[in-house]
Amino acid sequence: MEYYLYIKSLHLIFIVTWFAGLFYIPRLFIYQIEAAEKEEPERSILGKQLALMAKRLWYIITWPSMVLTSIFAFTMLYLNPALFQAPWMQIKLGFVVLLFAYHFKNHQIFKQLQRGEGNYSSKFMRIWNEGATLILFAVIFLAITKSAVNWIYGLVGLLTLAVLLMLGIRLYRRIREKNPDA
């Protein structure tokens, strides 16, 4: 089963690149939304460049990483079906379903912004940007501790993290209001 560790390694590598894309794409969305509020010619120049950056990130890094992460995950589950019986894995897979939902919602937002439709505020996107962080924390703690018993403590920790992230966003917004270049 030595090859299993190679598959697991590839799975982890592509998780990292997938999350890199999921962390950065909402940030690009924020920049696109804010660029649309600027005067010409800045609006057009920034809008075009940010749309290109988002397109490259989304289609060259994020989507392929999601697909490869999934392929290696399904391969590991196929090679070790006993994982399905572990309560921690069942909870982890629930968070993975949330991660896919988050990914597909980002795709919807990406498509809207590529068409020049601004349906979201930059404030909403700053909060949205933390979704991947919360899911990452849950999945990592479940995968490392392999404990479904302590998931309640993990949930409390996750909610605490969410509150701290929201407070951080509010603090950052206040700093930006005082100094727009921050």
N, C-alpha and C. Protein backbone atom coordinates (compact mmCIF):
# COMPACT_ATOMS: atom_id res chain seq x y z
N MET A 1 0.83 -1.21 0.00
CA MET A 1 0.00 0.00 0.00
C MET A 1 0.86 1.26 0.00
N GLU A 2 2.10 1.15 -0.37
CA GLU A 2 2.98 2.32 -0.41
C GLU A 2 2.43 3.38 -1.36
N TYR A 3 1.83 2.97 -2.46
CA TYR A 3 1.27 3.92 -3.43
C TYR A 3 0.14 4.74 -2.81
N TYR A 4 -0.51 4.21 -1.77
CA TYR A 4 -1.57 4.94 -1.09
C TYR A 4 -1.02 6.27 -0.53
N LEU A 5 0.19 6.22 0.00
CA LEU A 5 0.79 7.44 0.56
C LEU A 5 1.11 8.45 -0.54
N TYR A 6 1.45 7.98 -1.72
CA TYR A 6 1.67 8.89 -2.85
C TYR A 6 0.35 9.56 -3.25
N ILE A 7 -0.70 8.78 -3.27
CA ILE A 7 -2.03 9.31 -3.61
C ILE A 7 -2.46 10.33 -2.55
N LYS A 8 -2.22 9.99 -1.29
CA LYS A 8 -2.56 10.90 -0.20
C LYS A 8 -1.74 12.19 -0.30
N SER A 9 -0.48 12.07 -0.64
CA SER A 9 0.38 13.26 -0.81
C SER A 9 -0.14 14.15 -1.92
N LEU A 10 -0.50 13.55 -3.05
CA LEU A 10 -1.04 14.33 -4.16
C LEU A 10 -2.37 14.98 -3.78
N HIS A 11 -3.17 14.25 -3.04
CA HIS A 11 -4.44 14.79 -2.55
C HIS A 11 -4.18 16.06 -1.72
N LEU A 12 -3.23 15.99 -0.80
CA LEU A 12 -2.92 17.13 0.06
C LEU A 12 -2.34 18.29 -0.74
N ILE A 13 -1.48 18.01 -1.70
CA ILE A 13 -0.90 19.08 -2.53
C ILE A 13 -2.01 19.84 -3.26
N PHE A 14 -2.96 19.09 -3.84
CA PHE A 14 -4.01 19.76 -4.59
C PHE A 14 -5.05 20.41 -3.69
N ILE A 15 -5.17 19.94 -2.44
CA ILE A 15 -6.01 20.66 -1.48
C ILE A 15 -5.42 22.04 -1.25
N VAL A 16 -4.10 22.09 -1.08
CA VAL A 16 -3.43 23.37 -0.83
C VAL A 16 -3.65 24.32 -2.00
N THR A 17 -3.48 23.83 -3.23
CA THR A 17 -3.65 24.73 -4.38
C THR A 17 -5.13 25.11 -4.58
N TRP A 18 -6.03 24.19 -4.28
CA TRP A 18 -7.46 24.50 -4.37
C TRP A 18 -7.81 25.61 -3.39
N PHE A 19 -7.36 25.46 -2.15
CA PHE A 19 -7.66 26.48 -1.15
C PHE A 19 -6.97 27.79 -1.48
N ALA A 20 -5.79 27.74 -2.07
CA ALA A 20 -5.14 28.98 -2.49
C ALA A 20 -6.07 29.75 -3.43
N GLY A 21 -6.66 29.03 -4.38
CA GLY A 21 -7.61 29.66 -5.30
C GLY A 21 -8.86 30.15 -4.59
N LEU A 22 -9.37 29.34 -3.66
CA LEU A 22 -10.59 29.73 -2.94
C LEU A 22 -10.35 30.90 -1.99
N PHE A 23 -9.12 31.03 -1.51
CA PHE A 23 -8.81 32.17 -0.65
C PHE A 23 -8.65 33.45 -1.48
N TYR A 24 -8.09 33.32 -2.68
CA TYR A 24 -7.77 34.52 -3.46
C TYR A 24 -8.91 35.00 -4.36
N ILE A 25 -9.73 34.09 -4.85
CA ILE A 25 -10.77 34.52 -5.80
C ILE A 25 -11.75 35.52 -5.18
N PRO A 26 -12.21 35.34 -3.93
CA PRO A 26 -13.10 36.38 -3.38
C PRO A 26 -12.39 37.73 -3.22
N ARG A 27 -11.09 37.68 -2.97
CA ARG A 27 -10.32 38.92 -2.87
C ARG A 27 -10.34 39.63 -4.23
N LEU A 28 -10.17 38.88 -5.31
CA LEU A 28 -10.27 39.48 -6.64
C LEU A 28 -11.68 40.00 -6.90
N PHE A 29 -12.68 39.29 -6.39
CA PHE A 29 -14.06 39.77 -6.53
C PHE A 29 -14.21 41.14 -5.86
N ILE A 30 -13.63 41.28 -4.67
CA ILE A 30 -13.70 42.56 -3.95
C ILE A 30 -13.07 43.66 -4.80
N TYR A 31 -11.90 43.38 -5.35
CA TYR A 31 -11.22 44.37 -6.18
C TYR A 31 -12.04 44.71 -7.42
N GLN A 32 -12.67 43.70 -8.03
CA GLN A 32 -13.49 43.95 -9.22
C GLN A 32 -14.69 44.84 -8.87
N ILE A 33 -15.34 44.54 -7.75
CA ILE A 33 -16.50 45.32 -7.32
C ILE A 33 -16.09 46.76 -7.04
N GLU A 34 -14.96 46.93 -6.35
CA GLU A 34 -14.49 48.28 -6.03
C GLU A 34 -14.01 49.01 -7.28
N ALA A 35 -13.42 48.31 -8.24
CA ALA A 35 -12.97 48.94 -9.49
C ALA A 35 -14.16 49.46 -10.28
N ALA A 36 -15.29 48.74 -10.23
CA ALA A 36 -16.49 49.16 -10.97
C ALA A 36 -17.05 50.47 -10.43
N GLU A 37 -16.66 50.85 -9.22
CA GLU A 37 -17.15 52.09 -8.61
C GLU A 37 -16.24 53.28 -8.92
N LYS A 38 -15.13 53.05 -9.58
CA LYS A 38 -14.17 54.11 -9.88
C LYS A 38 -14.57 54.85 -11.15
N GLU A 39 -13.93 55.98 -11.36
CA GLU A 39 -14.16 56.79 -12.56
C GLU A 39 -13.35 56.21 -13.72
N GLU A 40 -13.78 56.55 -14.94
CA GLU A 40 -13.02 56.18 -16.13
C GLU A 40 -11.77 57.03 -16.22
N PRO A 41 -10.69 56.59 -16.76
CA PRO A 41 -10.44 55.30 -17.40
C PRO A 41 -10.01 54.21 -16.42
N GLU A 42 -9.85 54.61 -15.14
CA GLU A 42 -9.40 53.65 -14.13
C GLU A 42 -10.32 52.44 -14.05
N ARG A 43 -11.62 52.68 -14.12
CA ARG A 43 -12.60 51.59 -14.05
C ARG A 43 -12.36 50.55 -15.15
N SER A 44 -12.21 50.99 -16.37
CA SER A 44 -12.01 50.06 -17.50
C SER A 44 -10.69 49.33 -17.41
N ILE A 45 -9.63 50.07 -17.09
CA ILE A 45 -8.30 49.46 -17.03
C ILE A 45 -8.25 48.41 -15.93
N LEU A 46 -8.67 48.80 -14.73
CA LEU A 46 -8.66 47.85 -13.61
C LEU A 46 -9.62 46.70 -13.84
N GLY A 47 -10.82 47.02 -14.33
CA GLY A 47 -11.82 45.98 -14.56
C GLY A 47 -11.32 44.90 -15.51
N LYS A 48 -10.71 45.33 -16.59
CA LYS A 48 -10.19 44.38 -17.58
C LYS A 48 -9.07 43.52 -16.99
N GLN A 49 -8.14 44.14 -16.28
CA GLN A 49 -7.01 43.40 -15.69
C GLN A 49 -7.48 42.44 -14.61
N LEU A 50 -8.37 42.90 -13.74
CA LEU A 50 -8.86 42.04 -12.66
C LEU A 50 -9.69 40.88 -13.19
N ALA A 51 -10.47 41.11 -14.23
CA ALA A 51 -11.25 40.03 -14.84
C ALA A 51 -10.32 38.97 -15.43
N LEU A 52 -9.23 39.41 -16.06
CA LEU A 52 -8.24 38.47 -16.61
C LEU A 52 -7.56 37.68 -15.49
N MET A 53 -7.18 38.37 -14.43
CA MET A 53 -6.54 37.69 -13.30
C MET A 53 -7.47 36.65 -12.70
N ALA A 54 -8.75 37.02 -12.52
CA ALA A 54 -9.73 36.09 -11.94
C ALA A 54 -9.92 34.89 -12.86
N LYS A 55 -10.00 35.14 -14.15
CA LYS A 55 -10.19 34.05 -15.12
C LYS A 55 -9.03 33.06 -15.08
N ARG A 56 -7.82 33.58 -15.05
CA ARG A 56 -6.64 32.71 -15.00
C ARG A 56 -6.59 31.92 -13.70
N LEU A 57 -6.82 32.61 -12.59
CA LEU A 57 -6.81 31.93 -11.29
C LEU A 57 -7.87 30.83 -11.25
N TRP A 58 -9.07 31.16 -11.71
CA TRP A 58 -10.19 30.25 -11.60
C TRP A 58 -10.03 29.01 -12.48
N TYR A 59 -9.66 29.25 -13.74
CA TYR A 59 -9.62 28.13 -14.69
C TYR A 59 -8.27 27.42 -14.77
N ILE A 60 -7.19 28.06 -14.38
CA ILE A 60 -5.87 27.43 -14.47
C ILE A 60 -5.44 26.81 -13.15
N ILE A 61 -5.90 27.37 -12.03
CA ILE A 61 -5.47 26.85 -10.72
C ILE A 61 -6.63 26.23 -9.95
N THR A 62 -7.70 26.99 -9.72
CA THR A 62 -8.73 26.56 -8.78
C THR A 62 -9.53 25.37 -9.28
N TRP A 63 -10.09 25.46 -10.48
CA TRP A 63 -10.89 24.34 -11.00
C TRP A 63 -10.07 23.06 -11.16
N PRO A 64 -8.90 23.11 -11.81
CA PRO A 64 -8.12 21.86 -11.93
C PRO A 64 -7.73 21.28 -10.56
N SER A 65 -7.43 22.16 -9.60
CA SER A 65 -7.07 21.67 -8.27
C SER A 65 -8.24 20.99 -7.59
N MET A 66 -9.45 21.54 -7.76
CA MET A 66 -10.64 20.90 -7.19
C MET A 66 -10.85 19.52 -7.81
N VAL A 67 -10.71 19.44 -9.12
CA VAL A 67 -10.92 18.16 -9.81
C VAL A 67 -9.87 17.14 -9.35
N LEU A 68 -8.61 17.53 -9.32
CA LEU A 68 -7.56 16.59 -8.91
C LEU A 68 -7.68 16.21 -7.43
N THR A 69 -8.03 17.16 -6.58
CA THR A 69 -8.28 16.84 -5.16
C THR A 69 -9.35 15.77 -5.06
N SER A 70 -10.41 15.93 -5.82
CA SER A 70 -11.53 14.99 -5.78
C SER A 70 -11.12 13.61 -6.30
N ILE A 71 -10.39 13.58 -7.39
CA ILE A 71 -9.95 12.30 -7.96
C ILE A 71 -9.12 11.54 -6.95
N PHE A 72 -8.16 12.23 -6.32
CA PHE A 72 -7.30 11.54 -5.35
C PHE A 72 -8.07 11.16 -4.09
N ALA A 73 -9.06 11.97 -3.69
CA ALA A 73 -9.89 11.63 -2.53
C ALA A 73 -10.71 10.39 -2.81
N PHE A 74 -11.37 10.34 -3.98
CA PHE A 74 -12.17 9.17 -4.33
C PHE A 74 -11.29 7.92 -4.44
N THR A 75 -10.09 8.10 -4.94
CA THR A 75 -9.16 6.97 -5.04
C THR A 75 -8.82 6.44 -3.65
N MET A 76 -8.54 7.34 -2.72
CA MET A 76 -8.22 6.90 -1.35
C MET A 76 -9.41 6.21 -0.71
N LEU A 77 -10.59 6.75 -0.92
CA LEU A 77 -11.78 6.10 -0.35
C LEU A 77 -12.05 4.75 -1.00
N TYR A 78 -11.76 4.62 -2.27
CA TYR A 78 -11.91 3.34 -2.96
C TYR A 78 -10.91 2.32 -2.42
N LEU A 79 -9.67 2.77 -2.20
CA LEU A 79 -8.64 1.85 -1.70
C LEU A 79 -8.82 1.52 -0.22
N ASN A 80 -9.49 2.39 0.50
CA ASN A 80 -9.69 2.18 1.93
C ASN A 80 -11.15 2.49 2.29
N PRO A 81 -12.08 1.63 1.87
CA PRO A 81 -13.51 1.91 2.10
C PRO A 81 -13.90 1.93 3.58
N ALA A 82 -13.05 1.41 4.44
CA ALA A 82 -13.35 1.45 5.88
C ALA A 82 -13.44 2.88 6.39
N LEU A 83 -12.84 3.81 5.67
CA LEU A 83 -12.92 5.21 6.08
C LEU A 83 -14.36 5.70 6.15
N PHE A 84 -15.22 5.17 5.29
CA PHE A 84 -16.62 5.58 5.30
C PHE A 84 -17.30 5.25 6.63
N GLN A 85 -16.80 4.26 7.34
CA GLN A 85 -17.41 3.84 8.61
C GLN A 85 -17.00 4.74 9.77
N ALA A 86 -15.91 5.49 9.61
CA ALA A 86 -15.41 6.32 10.70
C ALA A 86 -16.31 7.55 10.87
N PRO A 87 -16.84 7.76 12.08
CA PRO A 87 -17.72 8.93 12.31
C PRO A 87 -17.05 10.26 11.94
N TRP A 88 -15.76 10.41 12.25
CA TRP A 88 -15.08 11.66 11.92
C TRP A 88 -15.08 11.89 10.41
N MET A 89 -14.95 10.82 9.63
CA MET A 89 -14.93 10.95 8.18
C MET A 89 -16.30 11.36 7.66
N GLN A 90 -17.35 10.83 8.26
CA GLN A 90 -18.70 11.20 7.84
C GLN A 90 -18.94 12.70 8.06
N ILE A 91 -18.48 13.20 9.20
CA ILE A 91 -18.63 14.63 9.49
C ILE A 91 -17.75 15.43 8.53
N LYS A 92 -16.53 14.96 8.31
CA LYS A 92 -15.61 15.63 7.38
C LYS A 92 -16.23 15.71 5.99
N LEU A 93 -16.83 14.64 5.53
CA LEU A 93 -17.45 14.63 4.20
C LEU A 93 -18.61 15.63 4.14
N GLY A 94 -19.28 15.83 5.25
CA GLY A 94 -20.32 16.87 5.30
C GLY A 94 -19.72 18.25 5.05
N PHE A 95 -18.58 18.52 5.67
CA PHE A 95 -17.91 19.80 5.43
C PHE A 95 -17.38 19.88 4.00
N VAL A 96 -16.97 18.76 3.43
CA VAL A 96 -16.51 18.74 2.04
C VAL A 96 -17.67 19.09 1.11
N VAL A 97 -18.86 18.61 1.42
CA VAL A 97 -20.04 18.99 0.63
C VAL A 97 -20.24 20.51 0.71
N LEU A 98 -20.08 21.09 1.90
CA LEU A 98 -20.17 22.55 2.04
C LEU A 98 -19.09 23.25 1.22
N LEU A 99 -17.91 22.64 1.18
CA LEU A 99 -16.81 23.22 0.40
C LEU A 99 -17.14 23.23 -1.09
N PHE A 100 -17.74 22.15 -1.58
CA PHE A 100 -18.16 22.12 -2.98
C PHE A 100 -19.23 23.18 -3.25
N ALA A 101 -20.16 23.33 -2.31
CA ALA A 101 -21.20 24.36 -2.46
C ALA A 101 -20.56 25.75 -2.51
N TYR A 102 -19.57 25.97 -1.66
CA TYR A 102 -18.84 27.24 -1.63
C TYR A 102 -18.12 27.47 -2.96
N HIS A 103 -17.50 26.42 -3.46
CA HIS A 103 -16.79 26.50 -4.75
C HIS A 103 -17.77 26.86 -5.87
N PHE A 104 -18.90 26.17 -5.94
CA PHE A 104 -19.86 26.42 -7.01
C PHE A 104 -20.51 27.80 -6.90
N LYS A 105 -20.72 28.27 -5.68
CA LYS A 105 -21.23 29.63 -5.50
C LYS A 105 -20.20 30.65 -5.98
N ASN A 106 -18.92 30.38 -5.69
CA ASN A 106 -17.87 31.26 -6.20
C ASN A 106 -17.87 31.26 -7.72
N HIS A 107 -18.15 30.12 -8.31
CA HIS A 107 -18.19 30.05 -9.78
C HIS A 107 -19.34 30.93 -10.30
N GLN A 108 -20.46 30.87 -9.63
CA GLN A 108 -21.60 31.71 -10.04
C GLN A 108 -21.25 33.20 -9.93
N ILE A 109 -20.62 33.58 -8.83
CA ILE A 109 -20.20 34.97 -8.65
C ILE A 109 -19.17 35.36 -9.70
N PHE A 110 -18.23 34.47 -9.97
CA PHE A 110 -17.21 34.69 -10.99
C PHE A 110 -17.86 34.99 -12.34
N LYS A 111 -18.82 34.15 -12.73
CA LYS A 111 -19.49 34.33 -14.03
C LYS A 111 -20.23 35.68 -14.07
N GLN A 112 -20.90 36.04 -12.99
CA GLN A 112 -21.61 37.32 -12.94
C GLN A 112 -20.64 38.49 -13.13
N LEU A 113 -19.53 38.45 -12.40
CA LEU A 113 -18.56 39.55 -12.50
C LEU A 113 -17.90 39.58 -13.87
N GLN A 114 -17.69 38.43 -14.48
CA GLN A 114 -17.11 38.40 -15.82
C GLN A 114 -18.06 39.05 -16.83
N ARG A 115 -19.35 38.99 -16.57
CA ARG A 115 -20.34 39.63 -17.44
C ARG A 115 -20.55 41.11 -17.07
N GLY A 116 -19.86 41.55 -16.03
CA GLY A 116 -19.99 42.94 -15.60
C GLY A 116 -21.18 43.21 -14.71
N GLU A 117 -21.75 42.15 -14.16
CA GLU A 117 -22.89 42.31 -13.27
C GLU A 117 -22.40 42.37 -11.83
N GLY A 118 -22.79 43.40 -11.12
CA GLY A 118 -22.37 43.55 -9.73
C GLY A 118 -23.52 43.31 -8.79
N ASN A 119 -23.72 42.08 -8.38
CA ASN A 119 -24.85 41.74 -7.50
C ASN A 119 -24.47 41.73 -6.02
N TYR A 120 -23.18 41.94 -5.72
CA TYR A 120 -22.72 41.85 -4.34
C TYR A 120 -21.90 43.08 -3.99
N SER A 121 -21.92 43.42 -2.72
CA SER A 121 -21.10 44.54 -2.25
C SER A 121 -19.72 44.02 -1.85
N SER A 122 -18.76 44.93 -1.78
CA SER A 122 -17.43 44.52 -1.33
C SER A 122 -17.48 44.10 0.14
N LYS A 123 -18.38 44.69 0.91
CA LYS A 123 -18.54 44.30 2.33
C LYS A 123 -19.00 42.84 2.41
N PHE A 124 -20.00 42.48 1.61
CA PHE A 124 -20.46 41.09 1.60
C PHE A 124 -19.33 40.16 1.21
N MET A 125 -18.56 40.54 0.19
CA MET A 125 -17.48 39.67 -0.29
C MET A 125 -16.38 39.51 0.76
N ARG A 126 -16.14 40.52 1.57
CA ARG A 126 -15.14 40.39 2.63
C ARG A 126 -15.58 39.32 3.64
N ILE A 127 -16.86 39.30 3.93
CA ILE A 127 -17.38 38.28 4.85
C ILE A 127 -17.38 36.92 4.15
N TRP A 128 -17.83 36.89 2.91
CA TRP A 128 -17.86 35.65 2.12
C TRP A 128 -16.47 35.02 2.04
N ASN A 129 -15.46 35.86 1.95
CA ASN A 129 -14.08 35.41 1.81
C ASN A 129 -13.64 34.50 2.96
N GLU A 130 -14.31 34.60 4.10
CA GLU A 130 -13.92 33.79 5.26
C GLU A 130 -14.54 32.39 5.24
N GLY A 131 -15.46 32.13 4.32
CA GLY A 131 -16.10 30.82 4.25
C GLY A 131 -15.12 29.68 4.09
N ALA A 132 -14.16 29.83 3.18
CA ALA A 132 -13.17 28.78 2.97
C ALA A 132 -12.32 28.56 4.21
N THR A 133 -12.03 29.64 4.93
CA THR A 133 -11.22 29.52 6.16
C THR A 133 -11.94 28.66 7.19
N LEU A 134 -13.21 28.91 7.38
CA LEU A 134 -13.98 28.14 8.36
C LEU A 134 -14.05 26.66 7.98
N ILE A 135 -14.28 26.39 6.72
CA ILE A 135 -14.35 25.00 6.27
C ILE A 135 -12.98 24.33 6.41
N LEU A 136 -11.93 25.05 6.06
CA LEU A 136 -10.58 24.49 6.18
C LEU A 136 -10.27 24.09 7.62
N PHE A 137 -10.59 24.96 8.56
CA PHE A 137 -10.35 24.64 9.97
C PHE A 137 -11.09 23.36 10.37
N ALA A 138 -12.35 23.26 10.00
CA ALA A 138 -13.14 22.09 10.38
C ALA A 138 -12.56 20.81 9.77
N VAL A 139 -12.24 20.84 8.50
CA VAL A 139 -11.73 19.65 7.81
C VAL A 139 -10.37 19.23 8.37
N ILE A 140 -9.49 20.19 8.58
CA ILE A 140 -8.15 19.86 9.09
C ILE A 140 -8.24 19.26 10.49
N PHE A 141 -9.02 19.86 11.37
CA PHE A 141 -9.12 19.33 12.73
C PHE A 141 -9.74 17.93 12.73
N LEU A 142 -10.72 17.71 11.90
CA LEU A 142 -11.32 16.37 11.82
C LEU A 142 -10.32 15.35 11.25
N ALA A 143 -9.60 15.74 10.21
CA ALA A 143 -8.65 14.81 9.58
C ALA A 143 -7.47 14.49 10.48
N ILE A 144 -7.01 15.46 11.25
CA ILE A 144 -5.85 15.23 12.11
C ILE A 144 -6.23 14.52 13.40
N THR A 145 -7.28 14.99 14.08
CA THR A 145 -7.65 14.38 15.36
C THR A 145 -8.43 13.09 15.19
N LYS A 146 -9.06 12.93 14.02
CA LYS A 146 -9.89 11.74 13.74
C LYS A 146 -10.87 11.48 14.88
N SER A 147 -11.46 12.56 15.36
CA SER A 147 -12.36 12.46 16.50
C SER A 147 -13.70 13.09 16.17
N ALA A 148 -14.73 12.29 16.18
CA ALA A 148 -16.09 12.82 16.01
C ALA A 148 -16.67 13.18 17.36
N VAL A 149 -16.09 12.64 18.44
CA VAL A 149 -16.59 12.91 19.79
C VAL A 149 -16.34 14.37 20.14
N ASN A 150 -15.19 14.88 19.77
CA ASN A 150 -14.84 16.25 20.12
C ASN A 150 -15.30 17.27 19.09
N TRP A 151 -16.15 16.87 18.16
CA TRP A 151 -16.58 17.79 17.12
C TRP A 151 -17.39 18.94 17.69
N ILE A 152 -18.03 18.73 18.86
CA ILE A 152 -18.78 19.82 19.49
C ILE A 152 -17.81 20.92 19.93
N TYR A 153 -16.68 20.50 20.53
CA TYR A 153 -15.67 21.49 20.90
C TYR A 153 -15.13 22.18 19.65
N GLY A 154 -14.96 21.40 18.62
CA GLY A 154 -14.51 21.97 17.35
C GLY A 154 -15.51 22.97 16.79
N LEU A 155 -16.80 22.65 16.91
CA LEU A 155 -17.84 23.55 16.42
C LEU A 155 -17.83 24.85 17.22
N VAL A 156 -17.69 24.74 18.53
CA VAL A 156 -17.60 25.94 19.37
C VAL A 156 -16.37 26.75 18.97
N GLY A 157 -15.25 26.07 18.76
CA GLY A 157 -14.04 26.76 18.31
C GLY A 157 -14.23 27.41 16.96
N LEU A 158 -14.94 26.73 16.07
CA LEU A 158 -15.22 27.26 14.74
C LEU A 158 -16.09 28.51 14.82
N LEU A 159 -17.10 28.47 15.66
CA LEU A 159 -17.95 29.64 15.85
C LEU A 159 -17.18 30.79 16.47
N THR A 160 -16.30 30.48 17.40
CA THR A 160 -15.44 31.51 18.00
C THR A 160 -14.54 32.12 16.93
N LEU A 161 -13.98 31.27 16.08
CA LEU A 161 -13.15 31.76 14.99
C LEU A 161 -13.96 32.67 14.07
N ALA A 162 -15.19 32.28 13.77
CA ALA A 162 -16.05 33.08 12.90
C ALA A 162 -16.29 34.47 13.52
N VAL A 163 -16.55 34.50 14.82
CA VAL A 163 -16.77 35.77 15.51
C VAL A 163 -15.50 36.62 15.45
N LEU A 164 -14.34 36.00 15.70
CA LEU A 164 -13.08 36.74 15.64
C LEU A 164 -12.81 37.27 14.23
N LEU A 165 -13.13 36.47 13.22
CA LEU A 165 -12.95 36.93 11.84
C LEU A 165 -13.85 38.13 11.55
N MET A 166 -15.09 38.07 12.01
CA MET A 166 -16.02 39.18 11.80
C MET A 166 -15.52 40.45 12.50
N LEU A 167 -15.02 40.29 13.71
CA LEU A 167 -14.47 41.45 14.42
C LEU A 167 -13.26 42.01 13.69
N GLY A 168 -12.43 41.12 13.15
CA GLY A 168 -11.28 41.55 12.37
C GLY A 168 -11.70 42.31 11.12
N ILE A 169 -12.74 41.85 10.46
CA ILE A 169 -13.25 42.53 9.26
C ILE A 169 -13.75 43.93 9.62
N ARG A 170 -14.46 44.02 10.74
CA ARG A 170 -14.98 45.34 11.17
C ARG A 170 -13.84 46.29 11.51
N LEU A 171 -12.81 45.77 12.19
CA LEU A 171 -11.65 46.59 12.54
C LEU A 171 -10.94 47.06 11.28
N TYR A 172 -10.76 46.16 10.32
CA TYR A 172 -10.11 46.52 9.08
C TYR A 172 -10.91 47.58 8.32
N ARG A 173 -12.24 47.45 8.32
CA ARG A 173 -13.09 48.43 7.65
C ARG A 173 -12.92 49.80 8.30
N ARG A 174 -12.83 49.86 9.62
CA ARG A 174 -12.62 51.14 10.30
C ARG A 174 -11.28 51.74 9.93
N ILE A 175 -10.26 50.89 9.86
CA ILE A 175 -8.93 51.37 9.47
C ILE A 175 -8.97 51.93 8.05
N ARG A 176 -9.66 51.21 7.15
CA ARG A 176 -9.76 51.67 5.75
C ARG A 176 -10.54 52.96 5.64
N GLU A 177 -11.55 53.14 6.49
CA GLU A 177 -12.33 54.38 6.44
C GLU A 177 -11.47 55.58 6.84
N LYS A 178 -10.57 55.35 7.80
CA LYS A 178 -9.67 56.43 8.25
C LYS A 178 -8.54 56.63 7.25
N ASN A 179 -8.08 55.53 6.64
CA ASN A 179 -6.97 55.61 5.68
C ASN A 179 -7.32 54.73 4.47
N PRO A 180 -7.91 55.30 3.43
CA PRO A 180 -8.37 54.51 2.27
C PRO A 180 -7.26 53.73 1.56
N ASP A 181 -6.01 54.10 1.74
CA ASP A 181 -4.91 53.39 1.07
C ASP A 181 -4.43 52.18 1.85
N ALA A 182 -5.02 51.90 3.02
CA ALA A 182 -4.58 50.77 3.86
C ALA A 182 -5.00 49.45 3.26
